[in-house]
Amino acid sequence: MAGLNLRFTDEELDALRDRAAAEGRSMQAFAHDAVIAAINEHSRLFNEAADHVLKASAELNRRLA
């Protein structure tokens, strides 16, 4: 499995450490899941926007076809 090094300020690292500890997880597991969640949320928002555009332009597309 590939790895990635991230840089945090002292304050950011403290916040990450505290949040991971509060959830009983390692900082690595917490950071990994946070990145994956952000990726998935971005994809979900993009897909919602694309669906909205397709629905909003459906009538125009039908008339142009």
Protein backbone atom coordinates (compact mmCIF):
# COMPACT_ATOMS: atom_id res chain seq x y z
CA MET A 1 0.00 0.00 0.00
CA ALA A 2 1.31 3.45 -0.90
CA GLY A 3 1.92 6.08 1.77
CA LEU A 4 1.68 9.83 2.01
CA ASN A 5 3.45 12.26 4.32
CA LEU A 6 1.44 15.24 5.49
CA ARG A 7 2.62 18.36 7.25
CA PHE A 8 0.59 19.99 10.01
CA THR A 9 1.15 23.00 12.20
CA ASP A 10 1.59 22.20 15.87
CA GLU A 11 -1.97 23.35 16.51
CA GLU A 12 -3.37 21.21 13.69
CA LEU A 13 -1.46 18.17 14.90
CA ASP A 14 -2.70 18.70 18.45
CA ALA A 15 -6.28 18.94 17.17
CA LEU A 16 -5.83 15.77 15.10
CA ARG A 17 -4.32 13.93 18.06
CA ASP A 18 -7.13 15.06 20.39
CA ARG A 19 -9.91 14.20 17.95
CA ALA A 20 -8.47 10.78 17.13
CA ALA A 21 -7.98 10.01 20.82
CA ALA A 22 -11.55 11.10 21.60
CA GLU A 23 -12.76 8.53 19.08
CA GLY A 24 -10.35 5.87 20.30
CA ARG A 25 -8.55 5.74 16.97
CA SER A 26 -5.04 6.28 15.72
CA MET A 27 -4.20 9.57 14.07
CA GLN A 28 -3.37 7.68 10.87
CA ALA A 29 -6.74 5.91 10.76
CA PHE A 30 -8.60 9.11 11.59
CA ALA A 31 -6.74 11.13 8.91
CA HIS A 32 -7.19 8.37 6.32
CA ASP A 33 -10.93 8.17 6.90
CA ALA A 34 -11.26 11.98 6.85
CA VAL A 35 -9.55 12.16 3.45
CA ILE A 36 -11.69 9.36 2.02
CA ALA A 37 -14.84 11.03 3.37
CA ALA A 38 -13.83 14.32 1.73
CA ILE A 39 -13.24 12.56 -1.60
CA ASN A 40 -16.60 10.80 -1.41
CA GLU A 41 -18.42 14.00 -0.46
CA HIS A 42 -16.84 15.87 -3.38
CA SER A 43 -17.94 13.12 -5.76
CA ARG A 44 -21.46 13.13 -4.30
CA LEU A 45 -21.78 16.91 -4.66
CA PHE A 46 -20.48 16.77 -8.24
CA ASN A 47 -22.96 14.04 -9.15
CA GLU A 48 -25.84 15.96 -7.56
CA ALA A 49 -24.89 19.08 -9.51
CA ALA A 50 -24.65 17.13 -12.75
CA ASP A 51 -28.06 15.55 -12.14
CA HIS A 52 -29.54 18.98 -11.44
CA VAL A 53 -28.13 20.43 -14.66
CA LEU A 54 -29.38 17.47 -16.69
CA LYS A 55 -32.88 17.76 -15.23
CA ALA A 56 -32.97 21.55 -15.61
CA SER A 57 -31.91 21.38 -19.25
CA ALA A 58 -33.92 18.30 -20.22
CA GLU A 59 -36.65 20.28 -22.01
CA LEU A 60 -34.12 22.36 -23.95
CA ASN A 61 -32.16 19.24 -24.89
CA ARG A 62 -35.39 17.57 -26.07
CA ARG A 63 -36.24 20.55 -28.29
CA LEU A 64 -32.73 20.70 -29.73
CA ALA A 65 -32.63 16.98 -30.55
